[in-house]
All heavy atoms as atom14 arrays in JSON, in Angstrom:
{
  "sequence": "VKYISHLDLMKSFDRAIRRAGIPVIYSQGFNPHPNMVFGLP",
  "atom14_mask": [
    [1, 1, 1, 1, 1, 1, 1, 0, 0, 0, 0, 0, 0, 0],
    [1, 1, 1, 1, 1, 1, 1, 1, 1, 0, 0, 0, 0, 0],
    [1, 1, 1, 1, 1, 1, 1, 1, 1, 1, 1, 1, 0, 0],
    [1, 1, 1, 1, 1, 1, 1, 1, 0, 0, 0, 0, 0, 0],
    [1, 1, 1, 1, 1, 1, 0, 0, 0, 0, 0, 0, 0, 0],
    [1, 1, 1, 1, 1, 1, 1, 1, 1, 1, 0, 0, 0, 0],
    [1, 1, 1, 1, 1, 1, 1, 1, 0, 0, 0, 0, 0, 0],
    [1, 1, 1, 1, 1, 1, 1, 1, 0, 0, 0, 0, 0, 0],
    [1, 1, 1, 1, 1, 1, 1, 1, 0, 0, 0, 0, 0, 0],
    [1, 1, 1, 1, 1, 1, 1, 1, 0, 0, 0, 0, 0, 0],
    [1, 1, 1, 1, 1, 1, 1, 1, 1, 0, 0, 0, 0, 0],
    [1, 1, 1, 1, 1, 1, 0, 0, 0, 0, 0, 0, 0, 0],
    [1, 1, 1, 1, 1, 1, 1, 1, 1, 1, 1, 0, 0, 0],
    [1, 1, 1, 1, 1, 1, 1, 1, 0, 0, 0, 0, 0, 0],
    [1, 1, 1, 1, 1, 1, 1, 1, 1, 1, 1, 0, 0, 0],
    [1, 1, 1, 1, 1, 0, 0, 0, 0, 0, 0, 0, 0, 0],
    [1, 1, 1, 1, 1, 1, 1, 1, 0, 0, 0, 0, 0, 0],
    [1, 1, 1, 1, 1, 1, 1, 1, 1, 1, 1, 0, 0, 0],
    [1, 1, 1, 1, 1, 1, 1, 1, 1, 1, 1, 0, 0, 0],
    [1, 1, 1, 1, 1, 0, 0, 0, 0, 0, 0, 0, 0, 0],
    [1, 1, 1, 1, 0, 0, 0, 0, 0, 0, 0, 0, 0, 0],
    [1, 1, 1, 1, 1, 1, 1, 1, 0, 0, 0, 0, 0, 0],
    [1, 1, 1, 1, 1, 1, 1, 0, 0, 0, 0, 0, 0, 0],
    [1, 1, 1, 1, 1, 1, 1, 0, 0, 0, 0, 0, 0, 0],
    [1, 1, 1, 1, 1, 1, 1, 1, 0, 0, 0, 0, 0, 0],
    [1, 1, 1, 1, 1, 1, 1, 1, 1, 1, 1, 1, 0, 0],
    [1, 1, 1, 1, 1, 1, 0, 0, 0, 0, 0, 0, 0, 0],
    [1, 1, 1, 1, 1, 1, 1, 1, 1, 0, 0, 0, 0, 0],
    [1, 1, 1, 1, 0, 0, 0, 0, 0, 0, 0, 0, 0, 0],
    [1, 1, 1, 1, 1, 1, 1, 1, 1, 1, 1, 0, 0, 0],
    [1, 1, 1, 1, 1, 1, 1, 1, 0, 0, 0, 0, 0, 0],
    [1, 1, 1, 1, 1, 1, 1, 0, 0, 0, 0, 0, 0, 0],
    [1, 1, 1, 1, 1, 1, 1, 1, 1, 1, 0, 0, 0, 0],
    [1, 1, 1, 1, 1, 1, 1, 0, 0, 0, 0, 0, 0, 0],
    [1, 1, 1, 1, 1, 1, 1, 1, 0, 0, 0, 0, 0, 0],
    [1, 1, 1, 1, 1, 1, 1, 1, 0, 0, 0, 0, 0, 0],
    [1, 1, 1, 1, 1, 1, 1, 0, 0, 0, 0, 0, 0, 0],
    [1, 1, 1, 1, 1, 1, 1, 1, 1, 1, 1, 0, 0, 0],
    [1, 1, 1, 1, 0, 0, 0, 0, 0, 0, 0, 0, 0, 0],
    [1, 1, 1, 1, 1, 1, 1, 1, 0, 0, 0, 0, 0, 0],
    [1, 1, 1, 1, 1, 1, 1, 0, 0, 0, 0, 0, 0, 0]
  ],
  "atom14_positions": [
    [[92.4, 77.1, 59.58], [93.59, 77.83, 58.97], [94.91, 76.98, 59.06], [96.0, 77.49, 58.81], [93.79, 79.17, 59.56], [92.74, 80.13, 59.24], [94.11, 79.17, 61.14], [0.0, 0.0, 0.0], [0.0, 0.0, 0.0], [0.0, 0.0, 0.0], [0.0, 0.0, 0.0], [0.0, 0.0, 0.0], [0.0, 0.0, 0.0], [0.0, 0.0, 0.0]],
    [[94.72, 75.72, 59.31], [96.03, 74.87, 59.52], [96.76, 74.66, 58.26], [97.98, 74.33, 58.29], [95.66, 73.58, 60.19], [94.88, 72.54, 59.45], [94.64, 71.31, 60.17], [93.88, 70.28, 59.35], [93.75, 69.01, 60.14], [0.0, 0.0, 0.0], [0.0, 0.0, 0.0], [0.0, 0.0, 0.0], [0.0, 0.0, 0.0], [0.0, 0.0, 0.0]],
    [[96.08, 74.82, 57.06], [96.86, 74.56, 55.85], [97.32, 75.86, 55.07], [97.85, 75.79, 54.0], [95.84, 73.82, 54.84], [95.67, 72.37, 55.3], [94.31, 71.98, 55.55], [96.68, 71.53, 55.42], [94.13, 70.67, 56.04], [96.44, 70.18, 55.83], [95.17, 69.74, 56.1], [95.0, 68.53, 56.54], [0.0, 0.0, 0.0], [0.0, 0.0, 0.0]],
    [[97.21, 77.01, 55.78], [97.73, 78.16, 55.17], [99.28, 78.28, 55.51], [99.71, 77.77, 56.57], [97.0, 79.43, 55.55], [97.25, 79.71, 57.07], [95.53, 79.37, 55.21], [96.69, 81.11, 57.45], [0.0, 0.0, 0.0], [0.0, 0.0, 0.0], [0.0, 0.0, 0.0], [0.0, 0.0, 0.0], [0.0, 0.0, 0.0], [0.0, 0.0, 0.0]],
    [[100.01, 78.92, 54.61], [101.46, 79.08, 54.88], [101.69, 80.22, 55.9], [100.81, 80.97, 56.21], [102.21, 79.46, 53.53], [101.78, 80.74, 53.16], [0.0, 0.0, 0.0], [0.0, 0.0, 0.0], [0.0, 0.0, 0.0], [0.0, 0.0, 0.0], [0.0, 0.0, 0.0], [0.0, 0.0, 0.0], [0.0, 0.0, 0.0], [0.0, 0.0, 0.0]],
    [[102.95, 80.29, 56.32], [103.23, 81.38, 57.28], [103.1, 82.76, 56.62], [102.64, 83.69, 57.27], [104.72, 81.22, 57.81], [105.17, 82.22, 58.76], [104.58, 82.21, 60.07], [106.07, 83.2, 58.76], [105.14, 83.21, 60.74], [106.02, 83.82, 59.97], [0.0, 0.0, 0.0], [0.0, 0.0, 0.0], [0.0, 0.0, 0.0], [0.0, 0.0, 0.0]],
    [[103.44, 82.84, 55.36], [103.29, 84.05, 54.62], [101.82, 84.5, 54.57], [101.47, 85.61, 54.82], [103.85, 83.96, 53.21], [103.73, 85.21, 52.31], [104.38, 86.38, 52.94], [104.34, 84.94, 50.95], [0.0, 0.0, 0.0], [0.0, 0.0, 0.0], [0.0, 0.0, 0.0], [0.0, 0.0, 0.0], [0.0, 0.0, 0.0], [0.0, 0.0, 0.0]],
    [[100.98, 83.51, 54.36], [99.51, 83.77, 54.29], [98.94, 84.24, 55.71], [98.05, 85.01, 55.83], [98.71, 82.6, 53.73], [98.92, 82.35, 52.27], [99.18, 83.38, 51.59], [98.76, 81.29, 51.82], [0.0, 0.0, 0.0], [0.0, 0.0, 0.0], [0.0, 0.0, 0.0], [0.0, 0.0, 0.0], [0.0, 0.0, 0.0], [0.0, 0.0, 0.0]],
    [[99.59, 83.58, 56.76], [99.18, 84.0, 58.07], [99.53, 85.44, 58.25], [98.64, 86.2, 58.92], [99.94, 83.07, 59.09], [99.77, 83.42, 60.59], [98.31, 83.05, 60.96], [100.71, 82.74, 61.46], [0.0, 0.0, 0.0], [0.0, 0.0, 0.0], [0.0, 0.0, 0.0], [0.0, 0.0, 0.0], [0.0, 0.0, 0.0], [0.0, 0.0, 0.0]],
    [[100.73, 85.84, 57.96], [101.12, 87.27, 58.0], [100.13, 88.26, 57.31], [99.72, 89.23, 57.72], [102.56, 87.48, 57.6], [103.53, 86.69, 58.45], [105.27, 86.78, 57.85], [105.64, 88.52, 58.04], [0.0, 0.0, 0.0], [0.0, 0.0, 0.0], [0.0, 0.0, 0.0], [0.0, 0.0, 0.0], [0.0, 0.0, 0.0], [0.0, 0.0, 0.0]],
    [[99.72, 87.78, 56.08], [98.78, 88.6, 55.39], [97.47, 88.66, 56.03], [96.78, 89.72, 56.01], [98.64, 87.96, 53.91], [99.87, 88.07, 53.08], [99.64, 87.49, 51.7], [100.91, 87.57, 50.81], [100.68, 86.89, 49.5], [0.0, 0.0, 0.0], [0.0, 0.0, 0.0], [0.0, 0.0, 0.0], [0.0, 0.0, 0.0], [0.0, 0.0, 0.0]],
    [[97.01, 87.62, 56.68], [95.73, 87.53, 57.41], [95.82, 88.57, 58.53], [94.84, 89.33, 58.83], [95.44, 86.14, 57.98], [95.23, 85.27, 56.93], [0.0, 0.0, 0.0], [0.0, 0.0, 0.0], [0.0, 0.0, 0.0], [0.0, 0.0, 0.0], [0.0, 0.0, 0.0], [0.0, 0.0, 0.0], [0.0, 0.0, 0.0], [0.0, 0.0, 0.0]],
    [[96.94, 88.61, 59.2], [97.09, 89.56, 60.27], [97.13, 91.0, 59.77], [96.45, 91.91, 60.26], [98.39, 89.37, 61.08], [98.12, 88.41, 62.32], [98.18, 87.1, 62.18], [97.95, 88.95, 63.56], [98.04, 86.28, 63.28], [97.81, 88.18, 64.71], [97.83, 86.83, 64.53], [0.0, 0.0, 0.0], [0.0, 0.0, 0.0], [0.0, 0.0, 0.0]],
    [[97.8, 91.23, 58.64], [97.89, 92.6, 58.04], [96.44, 93.01, 57.65], [96.11, 94.19, 57.97], [98.75, 92.51, 56.75], [99.12, 93.88, 56.25], [98.72, 94.93, 56.94], [99.71, 93.98, 55.21], [0.0, 0.0, 0.0], [0.0, 0.0, 0.0], [0.0, 0.0, 0.0], [0.0, 0.0, 0.0], [0.0, 0.0, 0.0], [0.0, 0.0, 0.0]],
    [[95.66, 92.14, 57.09], [94.26, 92.54, 56.71], [93.46, 92.86, 57.89], [92.65, 93.84, 57.92], [93.67, 91.45, 55.87], [94.25, 91.34, 54.38], [93.43, 90.4, 53.55], [93.37, 89.05, 54.02], [94.26, 88.16, 53.51], [95.18, 88.49, 52.6], [94.23, 86.94, 53.96], [0.0, 0.0, 0.0], [0.0, 0.0, 0.0], [0.0, 0.0, 0.0]],
    [[93.56, 92.02, 58.97], [92.79, 92.21, 60.18], [93.17, 93.51, 60.84], [92.31, 94.17, 61.33], [92.97, 90.98, 61.12], [0.0, 0.0, 0.0], [0.0, 0.0, 0.0], [0.0, 0.0, 0.0], [0.0, 0.0, 0.0], [0.0, 0.0, 0.0], [0.0, 0.0, 0.0], [0.0, 0.0, 0.0], [0.0, 0.0, 0.0], [0.0, 0.0, 0.0]],
    [[94.43, 93.84, 60.87], [94.87, 95.09, 61.51], [94.33, 96.3, 60.79], [93.83, 97.26, 61.42], [96.45, 95.11, 61.44], [97.04, 94.19, 62.53], [96.92, 96.58, 61.72], [98.5, 93.94, 62.4], [0.0, 0.0, 0.0], [0.0, 0.0, 0.0], [0.0, 0.0, 0.0], [0.0, 0.0, 0.0], [0.0, 0.0, 0.0], [0.0, 0.0, 0.0]],
    [[94.33, 96.27, 59.44], [93.77, 97.33, 58.62], [92.26, 97.47, 58.9], [91.75, 98.57, 58.99], [94.05, 97.09, 57.13], [95.58, 97.22, 56.88], [95.86, 96.91, 55.41], [97.29, 96.84, 55.08], [98.03, 97.81, 54.74], [97.59, 99.08, 54.63], [99.36, 97.72, 54.53], [0.0, 0.0, 0.0], [0.0, 0.0, 0.0], [0.0, 0.0, 0.0]],
    [[91.56, 96.34, 58.76], [90.08, 96.45, 58.98], [89.73, 96.92, 60.4], [88.79, 97.71, 60.53], [89.45, 95.01, 58.79], [89.37, 94.56, 57.39], [88.38, 93.34, 57.25], [88.92, 92.22, 57.96], [89.66, 91.25, 57.39], [89.93, 91.3, 56.08], [90.1, 90.22, 58.06], [0.0, 0.0, 0.0], [0.0, 0.0, 0.0], [0.0, 0.0, 0.0]],
    [[90.55, 96.64, 61.33], [90.22, 96.99, 62.78], [90.74, 98.4, 63.1], [90.39, 98.97, 64.12], [90.81, 95.95, 63.79], [0.0, 0.0, 0.0], [0.0, 0.0, 0.0], [0.0, 0.0, 0.0], [0.0, 0.0, 0.0], [0.0, 0.0, 0.0], [0.0, 0.0, 0.0], [0.0, 0.0, 0.0], [0.0, 0.0, 0.0], [0.0, 0.0, 0.0]],
    [[91.49, 98.98, 62.15], [91.95, 100.34, 62.42], [92.97, 100.38, 63.57], [93.0, 101.39, 64.27], [0.0, 0.0, 0.0], [0.0, 0.0, 0.0], [0.0, 0.0, 0.0], [0.0, 0.0, 0.0], [0.0, 0.0, 0.0], [0.0, 0.0, 0.0], [0.0, 0.0, 0.0], [0.0, 0.0, 0.0], [0.0, 0.0, 0.0], [0.0, 0.0, 0.0]],
    [[93.71, 99.27, 63.79], [94.65, 99.29, 64.93], [95.91, 100.08, 64.48], [96.48, 99.87, 63.43], [95.06, 97.77, 65.22], [93.81, 97.06, 65.7], [96.17, 97.71, 66.17], [94.07, 95.57, 65.94], [0.0, 0.0, 0.0], [0.0, 0.0, 0.0], [0.0, 0.0, 0.0], [0.0, 0.0, 0.0], [0.0, 0.0, 0.0], [0.0, 0.0, 0.0]],
    [[96.36, 100.96, 65.45], [97.48, 101.91, 65.05], [98.76, 101.2, 65.21], [99.67, 101.52, 66.03], [97.4, 102.99, 66.12], [96.74, 102.26, 67.29], [95.83, 101.25, 66.71], [0.0, 0.0, 0.0], [0.0, 0.0, 0.0], [0.0, 0.0, 0.0], [0.0, 0.0, 0.0], [0.0, 0.0, 0.0], [0.0, 0.0, 0.0], [0.0, 0.0, 0.0]],
    [[99.06, 100.2, 64.35], [100.33, 99.48, 64.25], [101.29, 100.37, 63.43], [100.9, 101.01, 62.42], [100.17, 98.12, 63.51], [101.62, 97.49, 63.22], [99.54, 97.13, 64.51], [0.0, 0.0, 0.0], [0.0, 0.0, 0.0], [0.0, 0.0, 0.0], [0.0, 0.0, 0.0], [0.0, 0.0, 0.0], [0.0, 0.0, 0.0], [0.0, 0.0, 0.0]],
    [[102.56, 100.43, 63.89], [103.58, 101.23, 63.16], [104.05, 100.44, 61.97], [104.22, 99.28, 62.03], [104.77, 101.52, 64.06], [104.27, 102.14, 65.36], [105.73, 102.39, 63.42], [103.57, 103.48, 65.21], [0.0, 0.0, 0.0], [0.0, 0.0, 0.0], [0.0, 0.0, 0.0], [0.0, 0.0, 0.0], [0.0, 0.0, 0.0], [0.0, 0.0, 0.0]],
    [[104.1, 101.15, 60.83], [104.49, 100.51, 59.57], [106.0, 100.85, 59.23], [106.42, 101.96, 59.55], [103.61, 100.92, 58.42], [102.25, 100.15, 58.38], [101.28, 100.43, 59.31], [102.04, 99.12, 57.55], [100.07, 99.65, 59.39], [100.9, 98.39, 57.5], [99.92, 98.67, 58.47], [98.76, 97.97, 58.47], [0.0, 0.0, 0.0], [0.0, 0.0, 0.0]],
    [[106.6, 99.98, 58.5], [107.97, 100.3, 58.05], [108.0, 101.44, 57.0], [106.95, 101.61, 56.39], [108.55, 99.0, 57.41], [107.89, 98.53, 56.31], [0.0, 0.0, 0.0], [0.0, 0.0, 0.0], [0.0, 0.0, 0.0], [0.0, 0.0, 0.0], [0.0, 0.0, 0.0], [0.0, 0.0, 0.0], [0.0, 0.0, 0.0], [0.0, 0.0, 0.0]],
    [[109.12, 101.89, 56.74], [109.27, 102.98, 55.75], [109.67, 102.3, 54.38], [110.05, 101.2, 54.37], [110.38, 103.94, 56.21], [110.08, 104.63, 57.5], [108.86, 105.47, 57.55], [108.65, 106.27, 56.59], [108.05, 105.34, 58.54], [0.0, 0.0, 0.0], [0.0, 0.0, 0.0], [0.0, 0.0, 0.0], [0.0, 0.0, 0.0], [0.0, 0.0, 0.0]],
    [[109.56, 103.13, 53.36], [110.01, 102.62, 52.0], [108.83, 102.41, 51.05], [107.67, 102.82, 51.25], [0.0, 0.0, 0.0], [0.0, 0.0, 0.0], [0.0, 0.0, 0.0], [0.0, 0.0, 0.0], [0.0, 0.0, 0.0], [0.0, 0.0, 0.0], [0.0, 0.0, 0.0], [0.0, 0.0, 0.0], [0.0, 0.0, 0.0], [0.0, 0.0, 0.0]],
    [[109.13, 101.78, 49.97], [108.18, 101.63, 48.8], [107.02, 100.71, 49.15], [105.91, 100.95, 48.73], [109.0, 101.08, 47.62], [108.17, 101.0, 46.4], [107.72, 102.04, 45.62], [107.75, 99.7, 45.97], [106.88, 101.94, 44.47], [106.89, 99.52, 44.83], [106.46, 100.59, 44.12], [0.0, 0.0, 0.0], [0.0, 0.0, 0.0], [0.0, 0.0, 0.0]],
    [[107.34, 99.64, 49.9], [106.26, 98.71, 50.21], [106.16, 98.48, 51.77], [106.65, 97.55, 52.36], [106.63, 97.35, 49.58], [105.6, 96.34, 49.83], [104.42, 96.63, 49.89], [105.97, 95.04, 49.8], [0.0, 0.0, 0.0], [0.0, 0.0, 0.0], [0.0, 0.0, 0.0], [0.0, 0.0, 0.0], [0.0, 0.0, 0.0], [0.0, 0.0, 0.0]],
    [[105.57, 99.5, 52.38], [105.48, 99.43, 53.9], [104.65, 98.25, 54.43], [103.68, 97.87, 53.78], [104.81, 100.73, 54.27], [104.01, 101.23, 53.08], [104.83, 100.68, 51.94], [0.0, 0.0, 0.0], [0.0, 0.0, 0.0], [0.0, 0.0, 0.0], [0.0, 0.0, 0.0], [0.0, 0.0, 0.0], [0.0, 0.0, 0.0], [0.0, 0.0, 0.0]],
    [[105.18, 97.73, 55.48], [104.43, 96.53, 56.05], [104.44, 96.73, 57.63], [105.26, 97.49, 58.21], [105.11, 95.2, 55.73], [106.62, 95.12, 56.12], [107.55, 95.62, 55.3], [107.22, 94.77, 57.37], [108.73, 95.41, 55.97], [108.52, 94.94, 57.16], [0.0, 0.0, 0.0], [0.0, 0.0, 0.0], [0.0, 0.0, 0.0], [0.0, 0.0, 0.0]],
    [[103.44, 96.19, 58.3], [103.38, 96.36, 59.75], [104.55, 95.77, 60.48], [105.1, 94.79, 60.06], [102.08, 95.63, 60.17], [101.81, 94.63, 59.03], [102.38, 95.3, 57.81], [0.0, 0.0, 0.0], [0.0, 0.0, 0.0], [0.0, 0.0, 0.0], [0.0, 0.0, 0.0], [0.0, 0.0, 0.0], [0.0, 0.0, 0.0], [0.0, 0.0, 0.0]],
    [[104.96, 96.47, 61.58], [106.07, 96.07, 62.36], [105.64, 95.0, 63.35], [105.1, 95.27, 64.48], [106.67, 97.29, 63.13], [107.51, 98.17, 62.27], [107.92, 97.79, 61.16], [107.82, 99.41, 62.7], [0.0, 0.0, 0.0], [0.0, 0.0, 0.0], [0.0, 0.0, 0.0], [0.0, 0.0, 0.0], [0.0, 0.0, 0.0], [0.0, 0.0, 0.0]],
    [[105.56, 93.82, 62.77], [105.13, 92.63, 63.59], [106.17, 91.49, 63.4], [106.69, 91.35, 62.33], [103.75, 92.24, 63.22], [103.54, 91.79, 61.77], [101.76, 91.52, 61.41], [101.93, 91.04, 59.65], [0.0, 0.0, 0.0], [0.0, 0.0, 0.0], [0.0, 0.0, 0.0], [0.0, 0.0, 0.0], [0.0, 0.0, 0.0], [0.0, 0.0, 0.0]],
    [[106.42, 90.83, 64.5], [107.35, 89.67, 64.43], [106.6, 88.47, 65.15], [106.12, 88.61, 66.25], [108.62, 89.97, 65.23], [109.51, 88.77, 65.25], [109.34, 91.23, 64.56], [0.0, 0.0, 0.0], [0.0, 0.0, 0.0], [0.0, 0.0, 0.0], [0.0, 0.0, 0.0], [0.0, 0.0, 0.0], [0.0, 0.0, 0.0], [0.0, 0.0, 0.0]],
    [[106.62, 87.32, 64.42], [106.05, 86.07, 64.96], [107.1, 85.17, 65.56], [108.2, 85.16, 65.23], [105.3, 85.38, 63.77], [104.1, 86.03, 63.36], [104.15, 87.16, 62.42], [102.81, 85.78, 63.83], [103.09, 87.83, 61.99], [101.72, 86.46, 63.42], [101.82, 87.52, 62.46], [0.0, 0.0, 0.0], [0.0, 0.0, 0.0], [0.0, 0.0, 0.0]],
    [[106.57, 84.3, 66.41], [107.34, 83.35, 67.05], [107.77, 82.23, 66.05], [107.69, 82.45, 64.85], [0.0, 0.0, 0.0], [0.0, 0.0, 0.0], [0.0, 0.0, 0.0], [0.0, 0.0, 0.0], [0.0, 0.0, 0.0], [0.0, 0.0, 0.0], [0.0, 0.0, 0.0], [0.0, 0.0, 0.0], [0.0, 0.0, 0.0], [0.0, 0.0, 0.0]],
    [[108.04, 81.05, 66.52], [108.39, 79.9, 65.63], [107.26, 79.56, 64.6], [106.24, 79.13, 65.09], [108.68, 78.66, 66.59], [109.24, 77.52, 65.93], [110.76, 77.8, 65.51], [109.31, 76.37, 66.91], [0.0, 0.0, 0.0], [0.0, 0.0, 0.0], [0.0, 0.0, 0.0], [0.0, 0.0, 0.0], [0.0, 0.0, 0.0], [0.0, 0.0, 0.0]],
    [[107.55, 79.7, 63.37], [106.49, 79.38, 62.39], [106.06, 77.94, 62.52], [106.83, 77.0, 62.69], [107.22, 79.65, 61.05], [108.28, 80.57, 61.33], [108.8, 80.2, 62.71], [0.0, 0.0, 0.0], [0.0, 0.0, 0.0], [0.0, 0.0, 0.0], [0.0, 0.0, 0.0], [0.0, 0.0, 0.0], [0.0, 0.0, 0.0], [0.0, 0.0, 0.0]]
  ]
}
């Protein structure tokens, strides 16, 4: 996965979280996303 962008990395985590059924808290609004923050890209 060394050639994927940081945005694609975040999408990979989002998909994995959903598949695993992990109870991550999502943001509010029209396009909710998981409350996750990464270190230095």
